[in-house]
């Protein structure tokens, strides 16, 4: 699925949030409200007692239709990105699960989960969920608005820090989004 199609889907979800709340879209986007209130997705927290690998940050349980997210994070931005990433799996991949296109229940696959530094065989689905997460937490229009006056006055690091702060995401997520939008061209 191309990023442009994901962007259209994200726009539809943000419009759904706007119609539901009647509030203007602004940074930071309230991903928890979108997931729990607007979409009415059940959320459970992964604790030390759960039988999941310690590296699992989040998962979407298609069988029980619930989002799972680790209860302890060292970085709020990373936690928000995990919420958005797993919500992306719900929006983008749930129809495929319901139609039996993908076998998400295969015991050997370890399901759809966000891992620290580990790439599983469903790499394309993970990339799509990452694109979705970046686009919903840092909508293009709000990012361009944030830098419309000062873009040429700020260094790349200053833009990254500002977006990370305003959008409540990690600096890495902010850097990648700015590069994707061609606002930041340095590597």
N, C-alpha and C. Protein backbone atom coordinates (compact mmCIF):
# COMPACT_ATOMS: atom_id res chain seq x y z
N UNK A 1 0.85 -1.17 0.00
CA UNK A 1 0.00 0.00 0.00
C UNK A 1 0.90 1.24 0.00
N UNK A 2 0.74 2.12 -0.96
CA UNK A 2 1.60 3.29 -1.04
C UNK A 2 1.31 4.30 0.08
N UNK A 3 2.32 5.08 0.46
CA UNK A 3 2.13 6.08 1.53
C UNK A 3 0.99 7.06 1.26
N UNK A 4 0.74 7.37 -0.02
CA UNK A 4 -0.33 8.31 -0.36
C UNK A 4 -1.70 7.73 0.03
N UNK A 5 -1.87 6.44 -0.16
CA UNK A 5 -3.13 5.80 0.22
C UNK A 5 -3.26 5.78 1.74
N UNK A 6 -2.16 5.50 2.42
CA UNK A 6 -2.18 5.51 3.89
C UNK A 6 -2.53 6.91 4.37
N UNK A 7 -1.98 7.93 3.71
CA UNK A 7 -2.28 9.31 4.10
C UNK A 7 -3.77 9.63 3.94
N UNK A 8 -4.39 9.13 2.89
CA UNK A 8 -5.85 9.34 2.71
C UNK A 8 -6.62 8.66 3.84
N UNK A 9 -6.20 7.46 4.20
CA UNK A 9 -6.87 6.73 5.29
C UNK A 9 -6.69 7.47 6.61
N UNK A 10 -5.49 7.97 6.86
CA UNK A 10 -5.23 8.75 8.08
C UNK A 10 -6.11 9.99 8.10
N UNK A 11 -6.22 10.69 6.98
CA UNK A 11 -7.06 11.88 6.90
C UNK A 11 -8.51 11.56 7.23
N UNK A 12 -8.99 10.43 6.74
CA UNK A 12 -10.36 10.00 7.05
C UNK A 12 -10.54 9.76 8.55
N UNK A 13 -9.55 9.14 9.18
CA UNK A 13 -9.62 8.86 10.62
C UNK A 13 -9.56 10.15 11.44
N UNK A 14 -8.74 11.09 10.99
CA UNK A 14 -8.67 12.37 11.70
C UNK A 14 -9.96 13.17 11.53
N UNK A 15 -10.60 13.06 10.36
CA UNK A 15 -11.90 13.71 10.16
C UNK A 15 -12.96 13.07 11.06
N UNK A 16 -12.91 11.76 11.20
CA UNK A 16 -13.81 11.06 12.11
C UNK A 16 -13.64 11.59 13.53
N UNK A 17 -12.38 11.76 13.96
CA UNK A 17 -12.10 12.31 15.29
C UNK A 17 -12.67 13.73 15.39
N UNK A 18 -12.43 14.56 14.37
CA UNK A 18 -12.92 15.94 14.38
C UNK A 18 -14.44 16.00 14.48
N UNK A 19 -15.13 15.18 13.68
CA UNK A 19 -16.60 15.16 13.73
C UNK A 19 -17.10 14.69 15.09
N UNK A 20 -16.36 13.80 15.71
CA UNK A 20 -16.75 13.26 17.00
C UNK A 20 -16.52 14.25 18.15
N UNK A 21 -15.45 15.01 18.07
CA UNK A 21 -15.08 15.91 19.17
C UNK A 21 -15.41 17.38 18.91
N UNK A 22 -15.56 17.75 17.64
CA UNK A 22 -15.78 19.13 17.22
C UNK A 22 -14.65 20.06 17.66
N UNK A 23 -13.45 19.49 17.80
CA UNK A 23 -12.28 20.28 18.15
C UNK A 23 -11.35 20.36 16.95
N UNK A 24 -10.60 21.46 16.85
CA UNK A 24 -9.64 21.56 15.74
C UNK A 24 -8.46 20.64 15.97
N UNK A 25 -7.92 20.16 14.90
CA UNK A 25 -6.75 19.29 14.98
C UNK A 25 -5.54 20.12 15.36
N UNK A 26 -4.80 19.65 16.36
CA UNK A 26 -3.59 20.34 16.78
C UNK A 26 -2.61 19.34 17.36
N UNK A 27 -1.37 19.78 17.47
CA UNK A 27 -0.34 18.95 18.08
C UNK A 27 -0.32 19.16 19.58
N UNK A 28 -0.07 18.16 20.37
CA UNK A 28 0.04 16.76 19.98
C UNK A 28 -1.33 16.13 19.74
N UNK A 29 -1.42 15.30 18.73
CA UNK A 29 -2.65 14.58 18.42
C UNK A 29 -2.91 13.60 19.56
N UNK A 30 -4.15 13.59 20.06
CA UNK A 30 -4.50 12.72 21.19
C UNK A 30 -4.83 11.32 20.68
N UNK A 31 -3.79 10.52 20.51
CA UNK A 31 -3.96 9.17 19.95
C UNK A 31 -4.78 8.27 20.86
N UNK A 32 -4.64 8.44 22.16
CA UNK A 32 -5.42 7.61 23.08
C UNK A 32 -6.91 7.88 22.94
N UNK A 33 -7.28 9.14 22.77
CA UNK A 33 -8.69 9.48 22.59
C UNK A 33 -9.21 8.90 21.27
N UNK A 34 -8.42 9.00 20.23
CA UNK A 34 -8.83 8.45 18.93
C UNK A 34 -9.09 6.95 19.07
N UNK A 35 -8.15 6.25 19.69
CA UNK A 35 -8.25 4.79 19.81
C UNK A 35 -9.40 4.38 20.73
N UNK A 36 -9.42 4.93 21.94
CA UNK A 36 -10.37 4.45 22.95
C UNK A 36 -11.76 5.06 22.83
N UNK A 37 -11.85 6.35 22.54
CA UNK A 37 -13.15 7.03 22.55
C UNK A 37 -13.80 7.00 21.17
N UNK A 38 -13.08 7.44 20.16
CA UNK A 38 -13.67 7.52 18.82
C UNK A 38 -13.84 6.13 18.22
N UNK A 39 -12.77 5.34 18.22
CA UNK A 39 -12.84 3.99 17.62
C UNK A 39 -13.41 2.96 18.58
N UNK A 40 -13.42 3.26 19.86
CA UNK A 40 -13.90 2.35 20.92
C UNK A 40 -13.17 1.01 20.89
N UNK A 41 -11.86 1.11 20.73
CA UNK A 41 -11.01 -0.08 20.76
C UNK A 41 -10.61 -0.34 22.21
N UNK A 42 -10.73 -1.55 22.63
CA UNK A 42 -10.31 -1.94 23.97
C UNK A 42 -8.79 -1.95 24.04
N UNK A 43 -8.24 -1.38 25.11
CA UNK A 43 -6.79 -1.32 25.29
C UNK A 43 -6.42 -2.06 26.56
N UNK A 44 -5.43 -2.92 26.47
CA UNK A 44 -4.89 -3.63 27.63
C UNK A 44 -3.40 -3.34 27.71
N UNK A 45 -2.90 -3.30 28.91
CA UNK A 45 -1.48 -3.04 29.10
C UNK A 45 -0.72 -4.33 29.32
N UNK A 46 0.42 -4.44 28.65
CA UNK A 46 1.30 -5.59 28.81
C UNK A 46 2.09 -5.37 30.09
N UNK A 47 2.02 -6.34 30.98
CA UNK A 47 2.75 -6.24 32.24
C UNK A 47 3.81 -7.33 32.31
N UNK A 48 4.57 -7.30 33.35
CA UNK A 48 5.62 -8.31 33.53
C UNK A 48 5.04 -9.72 33.64
N UNK A 49 3.78 -9.83 34.05
CA UNK A 49 3.15 -11.15 34.22
C UNK A 49 2.67 -11.76 32.90
N UNK A 50 2.57 -10.95 31.87
CA UNK A 50 2.12 -11.47 30.57
C UNK A 50 3.19 -12.35 29.95
N UNK A 51 2.77 -13.25 29.12
CA UNK A 51 3.69 -14.21 28.50
C UNK A 51 4.27 -13.68 27.19
N UNK A 52 4.63 -12.41 27.18
CA UNK A 52 5.21 -11.82 25.98
C UNK A 52 6.66 -11.48 26.25
N UNK A 53 7.46 -11.58 25.21
CA UNK A 53 8.87 -11.22 25.28
C UNK A 53 9.02 -9.79 25.80
N UNK A 54 10.04 -9.54 26.60
CA UNK A 54 10.28 -8.21 27.16
C UNK A 54 10.50 -7.14 26.09
N UNK A 55 10.91 -7.56 24.90
CA UNK A 55 11.14 -6.60 23.81
C UNK A 55 9.87 -6.18 23.09
N UNK A 56 8.74 -6.82 23.39
CA UNK A 56 7.49 -6.47 22.73
C UNK A 56 6.97 -5.18 23.34
N UNK A 57 6.84 -4.16 22.50
CA UNK A 57 6.34 -2.86 22.95
C UNK A 57 4.82 -2.76 22.83
N UNK A 58 4.27 -3.44 21.84
CA UNK A 58 2.84 -3.41 21.63
C UNK A 58 2.42 -4.50 20.66
N UNK A 59 1.13 -4.73 20.59
CA UNK A 59 0.59 -5.73 19.67
C UNK A 59 -0.88 -5.41 19.44
N UNK A 60 -1.41 -5.90 18.34
CA UNK A 60 -2.85 -5.82 18.13
C UNK A 60 -3.38 -7.23 18.09
N UNK A 61 -4.29 -7.53 18.99
CA UNK A 61 -4.89 -8.86 19.07
C UNK A 61 -6.15 -8.85 18.22
N UNK A 62 -6.04 -9.41 17.01
CA UNK A 62 -7.17 -9.41 16.08
C UNK A 62 -8.29 -10.33 16.56
N UNK A 63 -7.94 -11.38 17.29
CA UNK A 63 -8.98 -12.30 17.77
C UNK A 63 -9.90 -11.63 18.77
N UNK A 64 -9.33 -10.87 19.71
CA UNK A 64 -10.11 -10.21 20.76
C UNK A 64 -10.38 -8.74 20.45
N UNK A 65 -9.92 -8.27 19.30
CA UNK A 65 -10.08 -6.87 18.90
C UNK A 65 -9.67 -5.92 20.01
N UNK A 66 -8.40 -6.03 20.40
CA UNK A 66 -7.89 -5.12 21.42
C UNK A 66 -6.44 -4.78 21.15
N UNK A 67 -6.10 -3.58 21.55
CA UNK A 67 -4.75 -3.09 21.40
C UNK A 67 -4.01 -3.37 22.69
N UNK A 68 -2.82 -3.91 22.57
CA UNK A 68 -1.97 -4.18 23.72
C UNK A 68 -0.76 -3.26 23.65
N UNK A 69 -0.44 -2.64 24.76
CA UNK A 69 0.72 -1.76 24.80
C UNK A 69 1.43 -1.95 26.14
N UNK A 70 2.75 -1.92 26.10
CA UNK A 70 3.56 -2.09 27.31
C UNK A 70 3.18 -1.00 28.31
N UNK A 71 3.08 -1.38 29.59
CA UNK A 71 2.66 -0.42 30.60
C UNK A 71 3.78 0.50 31.07
N UNK A 72 5.01 0.12 30.81
CA UNK A 72 6.12 0.97 31.23
C UNK A 72 7.02 1.28 30.04
N UNK A 73 7.23 2.56 29.80
CA UNK A 73 8.08 3.03 28.71
C UNK A 73 9.07 4.02 29.28
N UNK A 74 10.26 4.04 28.71
CA UNK A 74 11.25 5.02 29.13
C UNK A 74 11.08 6.32 28.36
N UNK A 75 10.18 6.36 27.38
CA UNK A 75 10.02 7.51 26.51
C UNK A 75 8.55 7.65 26.12
N UNK A 76 7.93 8.76 26.52
CA UNK A 76 6.52 9.00 26.21
C UNK A 76 6.29 9.02 24.70
N UNK A 77 7.23 9.61 23.96
CA UNK A 77 7.10 9.64 22.51
C UNK A 77 7.05 8.26 21.90
N UNK A 78 7.88 7.38 22.43
CA UNK A 78 7.89 5.99 21.94
C UNK A 78 6.58 5.29 22.27
N UNK A 79 6.04 5.58 23.46
CA UNK A 79 4.77 4.98 23.85
C UNK A 79 3.65 5.46 22.93
N UNK A 80 3.61 6.76 22.64
CA UNK A 80 2.58 7.30 21.75
C UNK A 80 2.71 6.69 20.34
N UNK A 81 3.96 6.54 19.89
CA UNK A 81 4.17 5.96 18.56
C UNK A 81 3.69 4.51 18.55
N UNK A 82 3.92 3.78 19.63
CA UNK A 82 3.45 2.39 19.71
C UNK A 82 1.93 2.34 19.65
N UNK A 83 1.25 3.22 20.38
CA UNK A 83 -0.22 3.29 20.30
C UNK A 83 -0.64 3.51 18.84
N UNK A 84 -0.03 4.49 18.20
CA UNK A 84 -0.41 4.83 16.83
C UNK A 84 -0.07 3.70 15.86
N UNK A 85 1.06 3.05 16.07
CA UNK A 85 1.49 1.93 15.22
C UNK A 85 0.49 0.78 15.31
N UNK A 86 0.12 0.41 16.51
CA UNK A 86 -0.83 -0.70 16.69
C UNK A 86 -2.22 -0.32 16.17
N UNK A 87 -2.60 0.93 16.34
CA UNK A 87 -3.86 1.43 15.77
C UNK A 87 -3.79 1.32 14.24
N UNK A 88 -2.61 1.58 13.69
CA UNK A 88 -2.40 1.42 12.25
C UNK A 88 -2.66 0.00 11.80
N UNK A 89 -2.20 -0.98 12.59
CA UNK A 89 -2.50 -2.38 12.24
C UNK A 89 -4.01 -2.61 12.23
N UNK A 90 -4.72 -2.05 13.22
CA UNK A 90 -6.17 -2.20 13.27
C UNK A 90 -6.82 -1.63 12.01
N UNK A 91 -6.45 -0.42 11.66
CA UNK A 91 -7.08 0.25 10.52
C UNK A 91 -6.68 -0.39 9.19
N UNK A 92 -5.39 -0.64 9.02
CA UNK A 92 -4.88 -1.11 7.72
C UNK A 92 -5.00 -2.61 7.52
N UNK A 93 -4.88 -3.40 8.58
CA UNK A 93 -4.71 -4.85 8.41
C UNK A 93 -5.86 -5.69 8.96
N UNK A 94 -6.72 -5.11 9.77
CA UNK A 94 -7.86 -5.87 10.30
C UNK A 94 -8.74 -6.44 9.19
N UNK A 95 -9.05 -5.66 8.14
CA UNK A 95 -9.86 -6.23 7.06
C UNK A 95 -9.23 -7.49 6.45
N UNK A 96 -7.90 -7.49 6.34
CA UNK A 96 -7.20 -8.66 5.77
C UNK A 96 -7.31 -9.85 6.71
N UNK A 97 -7.23 -9.60 8.00
CA UNK A 97 -7.39 -10.68 8.97
C UNK A 97 -8.80 -11.26 8.88
N UNK A 98 -9.81 -10.38 8.85
CA UNK A 98 -11.20 -10.85 8.81
C UNK A 98 -11.49 -11.63 7.53
N UNK A 99 -10.82 -11.28 6.43
CA UNK A 99 -11.02 -11.99 5.17
C UNK A 99 -10.12 -13.21 5.04
N UNK A 100 -9.26 -13.42 6.01
CA UNK A 100 -8.35 -14.57 5.97
C UNK A 100 -7.22 -14.42 4.98
N UNK A 101 -6.90 -13.17 4.57
CA UNK A 101 -5.82 -12.96 3.62
C UNK A 101 -4.47 -13.30 4.25
N UNK A 102 -4.29 -12.89 5.50
CA UNK A 102 -3.07 -13.19 6.23
C UNK A 102 -3.41 -14.12 7.39
N UNK A 103 -2.48 -14.98 7.73
CA UNK A 103 -2.67 -15.87 8.87
C UNK A 103 -1.95 -15.29 10.07
N UNK A 104 -2.60 -14.34 10.76
CA UNK A 104 -1.99 -13.70 11.90
C UNK A 104 -1.92 -14.62 13.12
N UNK A 105 -2.66 -15.71 13.09
CA UNK A 105 -2.69 -16.61 14.23
C UNK A 105 -1.64 -17.70 14.17
N UNK A 106 -0.83 -17.71 13.14
CA UNK A 106 0.22 -18.71 13.00
C UNK A 106 1.18 -18.62 14.18
N UNK A 107 1.28 -19.68 14.96
CA UNK A 107 2.10 -19.70 16.18
C UNK A 107 3.56 -19.35 15.89
N UNK A 108 4.08 -19.76 14.74
CA UNK A 108 5.48 -19.52 14.44
C UNK A 108 5.77 -18.07 14.03
N UNK A 109 4.72 -17.30 13.73
CA UNK A 109 4.95 -15.95 13.23
C UNK A 109 5.15 -14.92 14.34
N UNK A 110 4.78 -15.24 15.55
CA UNK A 110 4.82 -14.34 16.69
C UNK A 110 3.89 -13.15 16.54
N UNK A 111 2.96 -13.20 15.62
CA UNK A 111 1.96 -12.14 15.48
C UNK A 111 2.53 -10.82 14.99
N UNK A 112 1.72 -9.80 15.06
CA UNK A 112 2.14 -8.46 14.66
C UNK A 112 2.52 -7.70 15.92
N UNK A 113 3.77 -7.50 16.11
CA UNK A 113 4.26 -6.82 17.30
C UNK A 113 5.37 -5.87 16.93
N UNK A 114 5.55 -4.83 17.75
CA UNK A 114 6.65 -3.90 17.54
C UNK A 114 7.82 -4.37 18.40
N UNK A 115 8.93 -4.63 17.77
CA UNK A 115 10.12 -5.09 18.48
C UNK A 115 11.21 -4.03 18.43
N UNK A 116 12.03 -4.01 19.45
CA UNK A 116 13.20 -3.14 19.46
C UNK A 116 14.30 -3.80 18.64
N UNK A 117 14.55 -3.27 17.46
CA UNK A 117 15.67 -3.74 16.67
C UNK A 117 15.54 -5.10 16.03
N UNK A 118 14.38 -5.72 16.08
CA UNK A 118 14.20 -7.04 15.49
C UNK A 118 13.19 -6.93 14.35
N UNK A 119 13.54 -7.43 13.19
CA UNK A 119 12.64 -7.38 12.05
C UNK A 119 12.07 -8.77 11.83
N UNK A 120 10.74 -8.88 11.79
CA UNK A 120 10.15 -10.19 11.54
C UNK A 120 9.79 -10.31 10.06
N UNK A 121 9.21 -11.42 9.71
CA UNK A 121 8.94 -11.69 8.30
C UNK A 121 7.78 -10.88 7.74
N UNK A 122 7.10 -10.14 8.55
CA UNK A 122 6.00 -9.30 8.07
C UNK A 122 6.45 -7.85 7.97
N UNK A 123 7.65 -7.67 7.49
CA UNK A 123 8.27 -6.35 7.43
C UNK A 123 7.39 -5.31 6.75
N UNK A 124 6.76 -5.64 5.64
CA UNK A 124 5.95 -4.66 4.91
C UNK A 124 4.77 -4.19 5.75
N UNK A 125 4.14 -5.07 6.50
CA UNK A 125 3.04 -4.67 7.36
C UNK A 125 3.53 -3.72 8.45
N UNK A 126 4.72 -3.98 8.97
CA UNK A 126 5.30 -3.12 10.00
C UNK A 126 5.63 -1.74 9.42
N UNK A 127 6.17 -1.71 8.21
CA UNK A 127 6.48 -0.44 7.55
C UNK A 127 5.20 0.36 7.36
N UNK A 128 4.14 -0.29 6.91
CA UNK A 128 2.86 0.40 6.71
C UNK A 128 2.34 0.97 8.03
N UNK A 129 2.42 0.19 9.10
CA UNK A 129 1.95 0.67 10.41
C UNK A 129 2.81 1.83 10.90
N UNK A 130 4.11 1.81 10.60
CA UNK A 130 4.98 2.93 10.98
C UNK A 130 4.62 4.20 10.21
N UNK A 131 4.35 4.06 8.93
CA UNK A 131 3.95 5.20 8.11
C UNK A 131 2.65 5.78 8.65
N UNK A 132 1.70 4.91 8.94
CA UNK A 132 0.41 5.33 9.50
C UNK A 132 0.64 6.10 10.80
N UNK A 133 1.46 5.55 11.69
CA UNK A 133 1.72 6.18 12.99
C UNK A 133 2.33 7.56 12.82
N UNK A 134 3.32 7.67 11.96
CA UNK A 134 3.96 8.97 11.73
C UNK A 134 2.97 9.98 11.17
N UNK A 135 2.14 9.55 10.25
CA UNK A 135 1.20 10.46 9.61
C UNK A 135 0.08 10.90 10.55
N UNK A 136 -0.35 10.02 11.45
CA UNK A 136 -1.45 10.40 12.35
C UNK A 136 -0.94 11.25 13.51
N UNK A 137 0.28 10.99 13.97
CA UNK A 137 0.83 11.78 15.08
C UNK A 137 1.40 13.11 14.61
N UNK A 138 1.82 13.16 13.35
CA UNK A 138 2.42 14.37 12.78
C UNK A 138 1.80 14.65 11.42
N UNK A 139 0.50 15.03 11.40
CA UNK A 139 -0.16 15.29 10.12
C UNK A 139 0.59 16.34 9.30
N UNK A 140 0.67 16.10 8.00
CA UNK A 140 1.43 16.97 7.11
C UNK A 140 1.05 18.44 7.27
N UNK A 141 -0.23 18.74 7.30
CA UNK A 141 -0.67 20.13 7.39
C UNK A 141 -0.16 20.80 8.67
N UNK A 142 -0.18 20.07 9.78
CA UNK A 142 0.27 20.65 11.05
C UNK A 142 1.79 20.81 11.09
N UNK A 143 2.50 19.89 10.47
CA UNK A 143 3.96 19.99 10.43
C UNK A 143 4.37 21.18 9.58
N UNK A 144 3.76 21.35 8.41
CA UNK A 144 4.08 22.50 7.56
C UNK A 144 3.70 23.82 8.26
N UNK A 145 2.57 23.82 8.94
CA UNK A 145 2.16 25.02 9.68
C UNK A 145 3.16 25.36 10.78
N UNK A 146 3.67 24.36 11.45
CA UNK A 146 4.62 24.55 12.54
C UNK A 146 5.90 25.26 12.06
N UNK A 147 6.30 24.98 10.83
CA UNK A 147 7.56 25.52 10.32
C UNK A 147 7.39 26.56 9.23
N UNK A 148 6.19 27.01 8.98
CA UNK A 148 5.98 27.91 7.83
C UNK A 148 6.74 29.22 7.95
N UNK A 149 6.89 29.75 9.15
CA UNK A 149 7.56 31.04 9.33
C UNK A 149 9.07 30.88 9.57
N UNK A 150 9.46 29.84 10.30
CA UNK A 150 10.84 29.74 10.77
C UNK A 150 11.69 28.67 10.08
N UNK A 151 11.14 28.02 9.13
CA UNK A 151 11.81 26.88 8.52
C UNK A 151 13.26 27.16 8.14
N UNK A 152 13.52 28.30 7.54
CA UNK A 152 14.87 28.60 7.06
C UNK A 152 15.74 29.23 8.14
N UNK A 153 15.18 29.48 9.31
CA UNK A 153 15.95 30.07 10.41
C UNK A 153 16.47 29.01 11.38
N UNK A 154 15.93 27.81 11.28
CA UNK A 154 16.28 26.76 12.22
C UNK A 154 17.22 25.73 11.59
N UNK A 155 18.09 25.19 12.41
CA UNK A 155 18.94 24.09 11.95
C UNK A 155 18.09 22.82 11.91
N UNK A 156 18.61 21.79 11.28
CA UNK A 156 17.92 20.51 11.24
C UNK A 156 17.65 19.97 12.62
N UNK A 157 18.65 20.03 13.49
CA UNK A 157 18.47 19.54 14.87
C UNK A 157 17.42 20.34 15.63
N UNK A 158 17.36 21.65 15.37
CA UNK A 158 16.35 22.49 16.04
C UNK A 158 14.95 22.13 15.55
N UNK A 159 14.81 21.86 14.25
CA UNK A 159 13.50 21.46 13.73
C UNK A 159 13.07 20.12 14.30
N UNK A 160 14.01 19.18 14.37
CA UNK A 160 13.71 17.86 14.93
C UNK A 160 13.26 18.02 16.38
N UNK A 161 14.00 18.77 17.17
CA UNK A 161 13.67 18.95 18.59
C UNK A 161 12.31 19.62 18.74
N UNK A 162 12.04 20.61 17.91
CA UNK A 162 10.76 21.32 18.01
C UNK A 162 9.59 20.41 17.66
N UNK A 163 9.70 19.67 16.56
CA UNK A 163 8.62 18.75 16.19
C UNK A 163 8.45 17.67 17.24
N UNK A 164 9.54 17.11 17.74
CA UNK A 164 9.45 16.07 18.77
C UNK A 164 8.71 16.60 19.99
N UNK A 165 9.01 17.82 20.39
CA UNK A 165 8.35 18.41 21.55
C UNK A 165 6.87 18.70 21.27
N UNK A 166 6.60 19.38 20.16
CA UNK A 166 5.22 19.78 19.83
C UNK A 166 4.31 18.57 19.59
N UNK A 167 4.83 17.54 18.92
CA UNK A 167 4.02 16.37 18.59
C UNK A 167 4.10 15.28 19.66
N UNK A 168 4.96 15.48 20.65
CA UNK A 168 5.16 14.50 21.73
C UNK A 168 5.55 13.13 21.15
N UNK A 169 6.57 13.16 20.30
CA UNK A 169 7.12 11.94 19.71
C UNK A 169 8.62 11.92 19.98
N UNK A 170 9.25 10.81 19.66
CA UNK A 170 10.70 10.73 19.84
C UNK A 170 11.39 11.58 18.78
N UNK A 171 12.63 11.93 19.03
CA UNK A 171 13.40 12.70 18.06
C UNK A 171 13.62 11.90 16.78
N UNK A 172 13.79 10.60 16.91
CA UNK A 172 13.96 9.76 15.72
C UNK A 172 12.71 9.80 14.84
N UNK A 173 11.52 9.68 15.45
CA UNK A 173 10.27 9.73 14.69
C UNK A 173 10.12 11.10 14.02
N UNK A 174 10.46 12.16 14.75
CA UNK A 174 10.36 13.52 14.20
C UNK A 174 11.32 13.69 13.02
N UNK A 175 12.54 13.21 13.14
CA UNK A 175 13.53 13.33 12.07
C UNK A 175 13.05 12.61 10.81
N UNK A 176 12.57 11.39 10.98
CA UNK A 176 12.11 10.60 9.82
C UNK A 176 10.92 11.30 9.15
N UNK A 177 9.99 11.83 9.94
CA UNK A 177 8.83 12.51 9.36
C UNK A 177 9.25 13.76 8.60
N UNK A 178 10.17 14.53 9.17
CA UNK A 178 10.65 15.73 8.48
C UNK A 178 11.37 15.38 7.18
N UNK A 179 12.09 14.27 7.16
CA UNK A 179 12.75 13.82 5.94
C UNK A 179 11.73 13.36 4.92
N UNK A 180 10.71 12.61 5.37
CA UNK A 180 9.67 12.14 4.46
C UNK A 180 8.93 13.31 3.79
N UNK A 181 8.75 14.39 4.54
CA UNK A 181 8.05 15.56 4.02
C UNK A 181 8.96 16.51 3.27
N UNK A 182 10.24 16.13 3.15
CA UNK A 182 11.25 16.93 2.43
C UNK A 182 11.49 18.31 3.08
N UNK A 183 11.15 18.42 4.35
CA UNK A 183 11.44 19.64 5.10
C UNK A 183 12.89 19.59 5.58
N UNK A 184 13.30 18.42 5.93
CA UNK A 184 14.68 18.19 6.38
C UNK A 184 15.36 17.33 5.34
N UNK A 185 16.38 17.85 4.73
CA UNK A 185 17.04 17.11 3.65
C UNK A 185 18.36 16.51 4.08
N UNK A 186 18.89 16.95 5.23
CA UNK A 186 20.16 16.37 5.69
C UNK A 186 19.93 14.98 6.23
N UNK A 187 20.91 14.14 6.14
CA UNK A 187 20.79 12.76 6.61
C UNK A 187 21.32 12.64 8.01
